[in-house]
């Protein structure tokens, strides 16, 4: 189905809440690292292109996600020219697409932004960020249509200049100017810019995160392998019994350090009386 602007609308299919919860936790627990183009892991190649190599464990985590949740991953994103250049917190955006390669959807920004939401102290703050990201995601196809139109205008202008035999430098500069002009003109129509498609599977996952924002927890146990979890009850502090056991033991030891001597004296007096 297509809407009035010619954008494909994904038919809504219900996403199982339990599966959505597992998917959210898997995303949040992808090992952390700075993958921004100006971060410590960023390196430039001989063509002056920036590459960021993930640390061990990141690729394995993504392989599990693609294997277990292929239908929940974003099938579209926002145009990659909207992506911030100085880290994932600078602007909205979870998934990104290149107008020249619509088959590839970049999802690397999802885990760090989810972790930011997960650890916000205010539940209202979590919900505000999630609903903003959902709105931004749903208008992605509309902006992608604008980006594709600008890209096509740029390519046509470059081809025209090349036919005229002008220098390659002029071709790039003039083509870029055309791209900017078309993008600005098309984006000025707010009714088109914010035409949102129906929530697909990934959109429903974001809605699920909004619903359970008050139960997003970070396990305080050091070296917990998956510290980001969804609590079954609001009072739950640890992700599992295995993580809560050391804290329970320490709590008991602290109690005995404070009350143990008094408890032992009472026990001794009761035993002495029973023997008399």
C-alpha atoms as a PDB file:
ATOM      1  CA  UNK A   1       0.000   0.000   0.000  1.00  0.00           C
ATOM      2  CA  UNK A   2       1.250   3.514  -0.817  1.00  0.00           C
ATOM      3  CA  UNK A   3       0.204   6.814   0.703  1.00  0.00           C
ATOM      4  CA  UNK A   4      -0.636  10.074  -1.063  1.00  0.00           C
ATOM      5  CA  UNK A   5       3.037  10.973  -1.390  1.00  0.00           C
ATOM      6  CA  UNK A   6       3.914   7.645  -3.019  1.00  0.00           C
ATOM      7  CA  UNK A   7       5.565   6.212   0.112  1.00  0.00           C
ATOM      8  CA  UNK A   8       5.269   2.536   0.882  1.00  0.00           C
ATOM      9  CA  UNK A   9       3.287   1.831   4.041  1.00  0.00           C
ATOM     10  CA  UNK A  10       4.179  -1.338   5.888  1.00  0.00           C
ATOM     11  CA  UNK A  11       1.170  -3.427   6.924  1.00  0.00           C
ATOM     12  CA  UNK A  12       0.904  -3.646  10.680  1.00  0.00           C
ATOM     13  CA  UNK A  13       1.652  -7.019  12.234  1.00  0.00           C
ATOM     14  CA  UNK A  14       1.419  -7.613  15.969  1.00  0.00           C
ATOM     15  CA  UNK A  15       4.765  -8.117  17.698  1.00  0.00           C
ATOM     16  CA  UNK A  16       4.839 -10.485  20.679  1.00  0.00           C
ATOM     17  CA  UNK A  17       5.695  -8.396  23.775  1.00  0.00           C
ATOM     18  CA  UNK A  18       7.935 -11.128  25.205  1.00  0.00           C
ATOM     19  CA  UNK A  19       9.913 -11.274  21.953  1.00  0.00           C
ATOM     20  CA  UNK A  20      10.138  -7.483  21.838  1.00  0.00           C
ATOM     21  CA  UNK A  21      11.509  -7.472  25.410  1.00  0.00           C
ATOM     22  CA  UNK A  22      14.225  -9.993  24.510  1.00  0.00           C
ATOM     23  CA  UNK A  23      15.097  -7.982  21.418  1.00  0.00           C
ATOM     24  CA  UNK A  24      15.391  -4.739  23.401  1.00  0.00           C
ATOM     25  CA  UNK A  25      17.653  -6.384  25.987  1.00  0.00           C
ATOM     26  CA  UNK A  26      19.820  -7.950  23.280  1.00  0.00           C
ATOM     27  CA  UNK A  27      20.283  -4.551  21.640  1.00  0.00           C
ATOM     28  CA  UNK A  28      21.038  -2.725  24.889  1.00  0.00           C
ATOM     29  CA  UNK A  29      23.608  -5.383  25.866  1.00  0.00           C
ATOM     30  CA  UNK A  30      25.678  -5.177  22.682  1.00  0.00           C
ATOM     31  CA  UNK A  31      29.182  -4.413  24.099  1.00  0.00           C
ATOM     32  CA  UNK A  32      29.779  -0.702  24.453  1.00  0.00           C
ATOM     33  CA  UNK A  33      32.377   1.227  22.450  1.00  0.00           C
ATOM     34  CA  UNK A  34      32.781   4.668  20.926  1.00  0.00           C
ATOM     35  CA  UNK A  35      32.001   4.244  17.231  1.00  0.00           C
ATOM     36  CA  UNK A  36      31.820   7.940  16.403  1.00  0.00           C
ATOM     37  CA  UNK A  37      34.046   9.155  13.542  1.00  0.00           C
ATOM     38  CA  UNK A  38      36.113  11.280  15.928  1.00  0.00           C
ATOM     39  CA  UNK A  39      36.349   8.695  18.730  1.00  0.00           C
ATOM     40  CA  UNK A  40      39.472   6.841  19.944  1.00  0.00           C
ATOM     41  CA  UNK A  41      38.754   3.813  17.713  1.00  0.00           C
ATOM     42  CA  UNK A  42      38.419   5.874  14.522  1.00  0.00           C
ATOM     43  CA  UNK A  43      41.159   5.527  11.889  1.00  0.00           C
ATOM     44  CA  UNK A  44      41.583   6.993   8.414  1.00  0.00           C
ATOM     45  CA  UNK A  45      42.605   4.908   5.432  1.00  0.00           C
ATOM     46  CA  UNK A  46      44.660   5.958   2.397  1.00  0.00           C
ATOM     47  CA  UNK A  47      41.555   7.523   0.854  1.00  0.00           C
ATOM     48  CA  UNK A  48      40.969   9.665   3.963  1.00  0.00           C
ATOM     49  CA  UNK A  49      37.843   7.644   4.836  1.00  0.00           C
ATOM     50  CA  UNK A  50      37.140   7.066   8.527  1.00  0.00           C
ATOM     51  CA  UNK A  51      36.724   3.500   9.797  1.00  0.00           C
ATOM     52  CA  UNK A  52      35.907   2.355  13.331  1.00  0.00           C
ATOM     53  CA  UNK A  53      36.779  -1.234  14.260  1.00  0.00           C
ATOM     54  CA  UNK A  54      34.536  -2.710  16.978  1.00  0.00           C
ATOM     55  CA  UNK A  55      36.140  -4.539  19.928  1.00  0.00           C
ATOM     56  CA  UNK A  56      35.799  -8.329  20.366  1.00  0.00           C
ATOM     57  CA  UNK A  57      32.289  -9.504  21.157  1.00  0.00           C
ATOM     58  CA  UNK A  58      30.415  -6.826  19.229  1.00  0.00           C
ATOM     59  CA  UNK A  59      30.220  -8.786  15.975  1.00  0.00           C
ATOM     60  CA  UNK A  60      29.115 -11.930  17.839  1.00  0.00           C
ATOM     61  CA  UNK A  61      26.358  -9.982  19.599  1.00  0.00           C
ATOM     62  CA  UNK A  62      25.081  -8.619  16.296  1.00  0.00           C
ATOM     63  CA  UNK A  63      25.193 -12.052  14.677  1.00  0.00           C
ATOM     64  CA  UNK A  64      22.942 -13.386  17.462  1.00  0.00           C
ATOM     65  CA  UNK A  65      20.544 -10.468  16.986  1.00  0.00           C
ATOM     66  CA  UNK A  66      20.317 -10.973  13.223  1.00  0.00           C
ATOM     67  CA  UNK A  67      19.788 -14.700  13.770  1.00  0.00           C
ATOM     68  CA  UNK A  68      17.167 -14.463  16.529  1.00  0.00           C
ATOM     69  CA  UNK A  69      15.256 -11.281  15.592  1.00  0.00           C
ATOM     70  CA  UNK A  70      15.476 -10.812  11.801  1.00  0.00           C
ATOM     71  CA  UNK A  71      11.866  -9.601  11.523  1.00  0.00           C
ATOM     72  CA  UNK A  72      12.179  -6.974  14.263  1.00  0.00           C
ATOM     73  CA  UNK A  73      15.174  -5.077  12.911  1.00  0.00           C
ATOM     74  CA  UNK A  74      14.473  -1.783  11.082  1.00  0.00           C
ATOM     75  CA  UNK A  75      13.665  -2.238   7.405  1.00  0.00           C
ATOM     76  CA  UNK A  76      14.144   1.476   6.722  1.00  0.00           C
ATOM     77  CA  UNK A  77      16.011   4.406   8.236  1.00  0.00           C
ATOM     78  CA  UNK A  78      16.511   8.127   7.938  1.00  0.00           C
ATOM     79  CA  UNK A  79      18.800   9.520   5.202  1.00  0.00           C
ATOM     80  CA  UNK A  80      22.426   9.163   6.242  1.00  0.00           C
ATOM     81  CA  UNK A  81      23.125  12.865   5.581  1.00  0.00           C
ATOM     82  CA  UNK A  82      21.003  13.609   8.679  1.00  0.00           C
ATOM     83  CA  UNK A  83      23.220  11.454  10.877  1.00  0.00           C
ATOM     84  CA  UNK A  84      25.203  13.509  13.435  1.00  0.00           C
ATOM     85  CA  UNK A  85      28.967  13.650  12.965  1.00  0.00           C
ATOM     86  CA  UNK A  86      29.970  13.929  16.607  1.00  0.00           C
ATOM     87  CA  UNK A  87      28.380  10.966  18.340  1.00  0.00           C
ATOM     88  CA  UNK A  88      24.977   9.389  18.679  1.00  0.00           C
ATOM     89  CA  UNK A  89      23.628  11.784  21.322  1.00  0.00           C
ATOM     90  CA  UNK A  90      23.787  14.891  19.142  1.00  0.00           C
ATOM     91  CA  UNK A  91      20.511  14.362  17.303  1.00  0.00           C
ATOM     92  CA  UNK A  92      17.595  12.003  16.776  1.00  0.00           C
ATOM     93  CA  UNK A  93      18.083   8.882  14.724  1.00  0.00           C
ATOM     94  CA  UNK A  94      18.352   5.140  15.301  1.00  0.00           C
ATOM     95  CA  UNK A  95      18.633   3.657  11.808  1.00  0.00           C
ATOM     96  CA  UNK A  96      20.146   5.167   8.667  1.00  0.00           C
ATOM     97  CA  UNK A  97      20.067   4.594   4.909  1.00  0.00           C
ATOM     98  CA  UNK A  98      22.125   5.762   1.965  1.00  0.00           C
ATOM     99  CA  UNK A  99      19.853   6.932  -0.903  1.00  0.00           C
ATOM    100  CA  UNK A 100      22.290   5.195  -3.271  1.00  0.00           C
ATOM    101  CA  UNK A 101      22.006   1.844  -1.449  1.00  0.00           C
ATOM    102  CA  UNK A 102      18.533   1.322  -0.027  1.00  0.00           C
ATOM    103  CA  UNK A 103      19.151  -2.369   0.682  1.00  0.00           C
ATOM    104  CA  UNK A 104      21.532  -1.525   3.539  1.00  0.00           C
ATOM    105  CA  UNK A 105      20.152  -0.141   6.803  1.00  0.00           C
ATOM    106  CA  UNK A 106      22.739   0.933   9.383  1.00  0.00           C
ATOM    107  CA  UNK A 107      21.655   0.076  12.940  1.00  0.00           C
ATOM    108  CA  UNK A 108      24.870   0.714  14.904  1.00  0.00           C
ATOM    109  CA  UNK A 109      23.376   3.746  16.684  1.00  0.00           C
ATOM    110  CA  UNK A 110      20.547   1.768  18.290  1.00  0.00           C
ATOM    111  CA  UNK A 111      22.391   0.130  21.253  1.00  0.00           C
ATOM    112  CA  UNK A 112      24.121   3.266  22.614  1.00  0.00           C
ATOM    113  CA  UNK A 113      20.953   5.346  22.335  1.00  0.00           C
ATOM    114  CA  UNK A 114      18.912   2.617  24.020  1.00  0.00           C
ATOM    115  CA  UNK A 115      21.438   2.517  26.869  1.00  0.00           C
ATOM    116  CA  UNK A 116      21.087   6.272  27.323  1.00  0.00           C
ATOM    117  CA  UNK A 117      17.307   5.860  27.609  1.00  0.00           C
ATOM    118  CA  UNK A 118      17.685   2.798  29.858  1.00  0.00           C
ATOM    119  CA  UNK A 119      19.756   4.624  32.495  1.00  0.00           C
ATOM    120  CA  UNK A 120      17.840   7.911  32.588  1.00  0.00           C
ATOM    121  CA  UNK A 121      16.728   8.576  36.183  1.00  0.00           C
ATOM    122  CA  UNK A 122      13.381  10.020  35.094  1.00  0.00           C
ATOM    123  CA  UNK A 123      10.706   7.726  33.642  1.00  0.00           C
ATOM    124  CA  UNK A 124       9.126  10.737  31.955  1.00  0.00           C
ATOM    125  CA  UNK A 125      12.486  11.520  30.335  1.00  0.00           C
ATOM    126  CA  UNK A 126      12.749   7.968  29.007  1.00  0.00           C
ATOM    127  CA  UNK A 127       9.294   8.164  27.469  1.00  0.00           C
ATOM    128  CA  UNK A 128       9.957  11.554  25.877  1.00  0.00           C
ATOM    129  CA  UNK A 129      13.116  10.305  24.158  1.00  0.00           C
ATOM    130  CA  UNK A 130      11.447   7.091  23.007  1.00  0.00           C
ATOM    131  CA  UNK A 131       8.406   8.837  21.521  1.00  0.00           C
ATOM    132  CA  UNK A 132      10.707  11.353  19.797  1.00  0.00           C
ATOM    133  CA  UNK A 133      12.763   8.551  18.286  1.00  0.00           C
ATOM    134  CA  UNK A 134       9.597   6.754  17.186  1.00  0.00           C
ATOM    135  CA  UNK A 135       8.282   9.883  15.426  1.00  0.00           C
ATOM    136  CA  UNK A 136      11.649  10.424  13.769  1.00  0.00           C
ATOM    137  CA  UNK A 137      11.765   6.799  12.616  1.00  0.00           C
ATOM    138  CA  UNK A 138       8.241   6.869  11.198  1.00  0.00           C
ATOM    139  CA  UNK A 139       8.972   9.912   9.027  1.00  0.00           C
ATOM    140  CA  UNK A 140      12.090   8.182   7.633  1.00  0.00           C
ATOM    141  CA  UNK A 141      10.506   7.017   4.347  1.00  0.00           C
ATOM    142  CA  UNK A 142       9.197  10.535   3.654  1.00  0.00           C
ATOM    143  CA  UNK A 143      12.645  12.040   4.113  1.00  0.00           C
ATOM    144  CA  UNK A 144      14.216   9.205   2.144  1.00  0.00           C
ATOM    145  CA  UNK A 145      11.952  10.086  -0.797  1.00  0.00           C
ATOM    146  CA  UNK A 146      13.228  13.668  -0.540  1.00  0.00           C
ATOM    147  CA  UNK A 147      16.842  12.483  -0.321  1.00  0.00           C
ATOM    148  CA  UNK A 148      16.432  10.227  -3.368  1.00  0.00           C
ATOM    149  CA  UNK A 149      14.956  13.084  -5.380  1.00  0.00           C
ATOM    150  CA  UNK A 150      17.888  15.332  -4.435  1.00  0.00           C
ATOM    151  CA  UNK A 151      20.337  12.552  -5.259  1.00  0.00           C
ATOM    152  CA  UNK A 152      18.782  12.003  -8.688  1.00  0.00           C
ATOM    153  CA  UNK A 153      18.907  15.736  -9.449  1.00  0.00           C
ATOM    154  CA  UNK A 154      22.579  15.784  -8.442  1.00  0.00           C
ATOM    155  CA  UNK A 155      23.448  12.834 -10.701  1.00  0.00           C
ATOM    156  CA  UNK A 156      21.580  14.332 -13.640  1.00  0.00           C
ATOM    157  CA  UNK A 157      23.456  17.626 -13.217  1.00  0.00           C
ATOM    158  CA  UNK A 158      26.800  15.862 -13.030  1.00  0.00           C
ATOM    159  CA  UNK A 159      26.037  13.889 -16.190  1.00  0.00           C
ATOM    160  CA  UNK A 160      25.073  17.107 -17.955  1.00  0.00           C
ATOM    161  CA  UNK A 161      28.338  18.797 -16.952  1.00  0.00           C
ATOM    162  CA  UNK A 162      30.399  15.795 -17.995  1.00  0.00           C
ATOM    163  CA  UNK A 163      28.751  15.827 -21.420  1.00  0.00           C
ATOM    164  CA  UNK A 164      29.837  19.450 -21.756  1.00  0.00           C
ATOM    165  CA  UNK A 165      33.422  18.391 -21.038  1.00  0.00           C
ATOM    166  CA  UNK A 166      33.995  20.470 -17.900  1.00  0.00           C
ATOM    167  CA  UNK A 167      36.549  19.583 -15.215  1.00  0.00           C
ATOM    168  CA  UNK A 168      35.709  16.910 -12.633  1.00  0.00           C
ATOM    169  CA  UNK A 169      36.071  19.466  -9.844  1.00  0.00           C
ATOM    170  CA  UNK A 170      33.321  21.617 -11.345  1.00  0.00           C
ATOM    171  CA  UNK A 171      31.163  18.510 -11.768  1.00  0.00           C
ATOM    172  CA  UNK A 172      31.293  17.657  -8.077  1.00  0.00           C
ATOM    173  CA  UNK A 173      30.829  21.214  -6.812  1.00  0.00           C
ATOM    174  CA  UNK A 174      27.899  22.039  -9.084  1.00  0.00           C
ATOM    175  CA  UNK A 175      26.260  18.668  -8.439  1.00  0.00           C
ATOM    176  CA  UNK A 176      26.530  19.233  -4.687  1.00  0.00           C
ATOM    177  CA  UNK A 177      24.900  22.662  -5.023  1.00  0.00           C
ATOM    178  CA  UNK A 178      21.980  21.133  -6.926  1.00  0.00           C
ATOM    179  CA  UNK A 179      21.624  18.449  -4.249  1.00  0.00           C
ATOM    180  CA  UNK A 180      21.449  21.101  -1.530  1.00  0.00           C
ATOM    181  CA  UNK A 181      18.915  23.219  -3.409  1.00  0.00           C
ATOM    182  CA  UNK A 182      16.549  20.330  -4.102  1.00  0.00           C
ATOM    183  CA  UNK A 183      16.850  19.021  -0.536  1.00  0.00           C
ATOM    184  CA  UNK A 184      16.091  22.443   0.922  1.00  0.00           C
ATOM    185  CA  UNK A 185      13.144  23.006  -1.394  1.00  0.00           C
ATOM    186  CA  UNK A 186      11.568  19.594  -0.772  1.00  0.00           C
ATOM    187  CA  UNK A 187      12.137  19.734   3.007  1.00  0.00           C
ATOM    188  CA  UNK A 188      10.408  23.101   3.234  1.00  0.00           C
ATOM    189  CA  UNK A 189       7.058  21.354   2.767  1.00  0.00           C
ATOM    190  CA  UNK A 190       6.398  20.279   6.349  1.00  0.00           C
ATOM    191  CA  UNK A 191       3.302  18.286   5.413  1.00  0.00           C
ATOM    192  CA  UNK A 192       5.533  16.123   3.216  1.00  0.00           C
ATOM    193  CA  UNK A 193       8.498  16.108   5.583  1.00  0.00           C
ATOM    194  CA  UNK A 194       6.467  14.656   8.459  1.00  0.00           C
ATOM    195  CA  UNK A 195       4.328  12.198   6.502  1.00  0.00           C
ATOM    196  CA  UNK A 196       4.672   9.106   8.693  1.00  0.00           C
ATOM    197  CA  UNK A 197       4.097   5.499   7.693  1.00  0.00           C
ATOM    198  CA  UNK A 198       2.345   3.021   9.980  1.00  0.00           C
ATOM    199  CA  UNK A 199       4.444   1.507  12.754  1.00  0.00           C
ATOM    200  CA  UNK A 200       6.229  -1.543  11.387  1.00  0.00           C
ATOM    201  CA  UNK A 201       7.716  -4.259  13.612  1.00  0.00           C
ATOM    202  CA  UNK A 202      10.580  -2.037  14.793  1.00  0.00           C
ATOM    203  CA  UNK A 203       8.175   0.824  15.449  1.00  0.00           C
ATOM    204  CA  UNK A 204       6.081  -1.504  17.610  1.00  0.00           C
ATOM    205  CA  UNK A 205       9.220  -2.472  19.513  1.00  0.00           C
ATOM    206  CA  UNK A 206       9.778   1.202  20.315  1.00  0.00           C
ATOM    207  CA  UNK A 207       6.151   1.451  21.451  1.00  0.00           C
ATOM    208  CA  UNK A 208       6.755  -1.551  23.688  1.00  0.00           C
ATOM    209  CA  UNK A 209       9.811   0.172  25.178  1.00  0.00           C
ATOM    210  CA  UNK A 210       7.605   3.196  25.879  1.00  0.00           C
ATOM    211  CA  UNK A 211       5.073   1.001  27.698  1.00  0.00           C
ATOM    212  CA  UNK A 212       7.672  -0.615  29.980  1.00  0.00           C
ATOM    213  CA  UNK A 213       9.880   2.442  30.494  1.00  0.00           C
ATOM    214  CA  UNK A 214       9.359   2.195  34.262  1.00  0.00           C
ATOM    215  CA  UNK A 215      10.830  -1.332  34.337  1.00  0.00           C
ATOM    216  CA  UNK A 216      14.084  -0.728  32.470  1.00  0.00           C
ATOM    217  CA  UNK A 217      16.877  -1.637  34.878  1.00  0.00           C
ATOM    218  CA  UNK A 218      20.669  -1.773  35.035  1.00  0.00           C
ATOM    219  CA  UNK A 219      22.037  -4.637  37.137  1.00  0.00           C
ATOM    220  CA  UNK A 220      24.451  -3.276  39.785  1.00  0.00           C
ATOM    221  CA  UNK A 221      26.471  -6.511  40.013  1.00  0.00           C
ATOM    222  CA  UNK A 222      30.042  -5.871  38.769  1.00  0.00           C
ATOM    223  CA  UNK A 223      30.948  -7.713  35.556  1.00  0.00           C
ATOM    224  CA  UNK A 224      27.357  -8.770  34.909  1.00  0.00           C
ATOM    225  CA  UNK A 225      27.424 -10.158  31.340  1.00  0.00           C
ATOM    226  CA  UNK A 226      24.057  -8.595  30.431  1.00  0.00           C
ATOM    227  CA  UNK A 227      23.371  -5.735  32.883  1.00  0.00           C
ATOM    228  CA  UNK A 228      20.540  -4.104  30.906  1.00  0.00           C
ATOM    229  CA  UNK A 229      17.327  -5.966  31.688  1.00  0.00           C
ATOM    230  CA  UNK A 230      13.567  -5.531  32.059  1.00  0.00           C
ATOM    231  CA  UNK A 231      12.316  -6.068  35.596  1.00  0.00           C
ATOM    232  CA  UNK A 232       9.382  -8.394  36.178  1.00  0.00           C
ATOM    233  CA  UNK A 233       8.318  -6.221  39.110  1.00  0.00           C
ATOM    234  CA  UNK A 234       9.100  -2.621  39.984  1.00  0.00           C
ATOM    235  CA  UNK A 235      11.024  -3.556  43.145  1.00  0.00           C
ATOM    236  CA  UNK A 236      13.398  -5.863  41.240  1.00  0.00           C
ATOM    237  CA  UNK A 237      16.980  -4.627  41.446  1.00  0.00           C
ATOM    238  CA  UNK A 238      19.067  -7.476  40.011  1.00  0.00           C
ATOM    239  CA  UNK A 239      18.708  -9.206  36.660  1.00  0.00           C
ATOM    240  CA  UNK A 240      18.862 -12.755  38.092  1.00  0.00           C
ATOM    241  CA  UNK A 241      19.262 -14.828  41.244  1.00  0.00           C
ATOM    242  CA  UNK A 242      22.899 -15.425  40.315  1.00  0.00           C
ATOM    243  CA  UNK A 243      23.579 -11.684  40.391  1.00  0.00           C
ATOM    244  CA  UNK A 244      21.554 -11.051  43.545  1.00  0.00           C
ATOM    245  CA  UNK A 245      23.233 -13.859  45.567  1.00  0.00           C
ATOM    246  CA  UNK A 246      26.510 -11.998  46.341  1.00  0.00           C
ATOM    247  CA  UNK A 247      24.528  -8.973  47.493  1.00  0.00           C
ATOM    248  CA  UNK A 248      22.315 -11.153  49.692  1.00  0.00           C
ATOM    249  CA  UNK A 249      25.381 -12.756  51.253  1.00  0.00           C
ATOM    250  CA  UNK A 250      26.971  -9.377  51.896  1.00  0.00           C
ATOM    251  CA  UNK A 251      23.721  -8.146  53.448  1.00  0.00           C
ATOM    252  CA  UNK A 252      23.678 -11.133  55.793  1.00  0.00           C
ATOM    253  CA  UNK A 253      27.333 -10.620  56.718  1.00  0.00           C
ATOM    254  CA  UNK A 254      26.678  -6.950  57.463  1.00  0.00           C
ATOM    255  CA  UNK A 255      23.708  -7.908  59.630  1.00  0.00           C
ATOM    256  CA  UNK A 256      25.776 -10.407  61.567  1.00  0.00           C
ATOM    257  CA  UNK A 257      28.590  -7.901  62.059  1.00  0.00           C
ATOM    258  CA  UNK A 258      26.084  -5.516  63.624  1.00  0.00           C
ATOM    259  CA  UNK A 259      23.784  -7.895  65.486  1.00  0.00           C
ATOM    260  CA  UNK A 260      25.682 -11.175  65.658  1.00  0.00           C
ATOM    261  CA  UNK A 261      27.208 -10.724  69.121  1.00  0.00           C
ATOM    262  CA  UNK A 262      23.857  -9.840  70.655  1.00  0.00           C
ATOM    263  CA  UNK A 263      22.165 -12.772  68.935  1.00  0.00           C
ATOM    264  CA  UNK A 264      24.838 -15.200  70.171  1.00  0.00           C
ATOM    265  CA  UNK A 265      24.471 -13.918  73.757  1.00  0.00           C
ATOM    266  CA  UNK A 266      20.713 -14.480  73.635  1.00  0.00           C
ATOM    267  CA  UNK A 267      21.220 -17.971  72.257  1.00  0.00           C
ATOM    268  CA  UNK A 268      23.738 -18.756  75.004  1.00  0.00           C
ATOM    269  CA  UNK A 269      21.355 -17.534  77.744  1.00  0.00           C
ATOM    270  CA  UNK A 270      18.491 -19.664  76.382  1.00  0.00           C
ATOM    271  CA  UNK A 271      20.682 -22.762  76.311  1.00  0.00           C
ATOM    272  CA  UNK A 272      21.951 -22.089  79.855  1.00  0.00           C
ATOM    273  CA  UNK A 273      18.407 -21.740  81.208  1.00  0.00           C
ATOM    274  CA  UNK A 274      17.272 -24.934  79.512  1.00  0.00           C
ATOM    275  CA  UNK A 275      20.102 -26.866  81.190  1.00  0.00           C
ATOM    276  CA  UNK A 276      19.301 -25.671  84.712  1.00  0.00           C
END
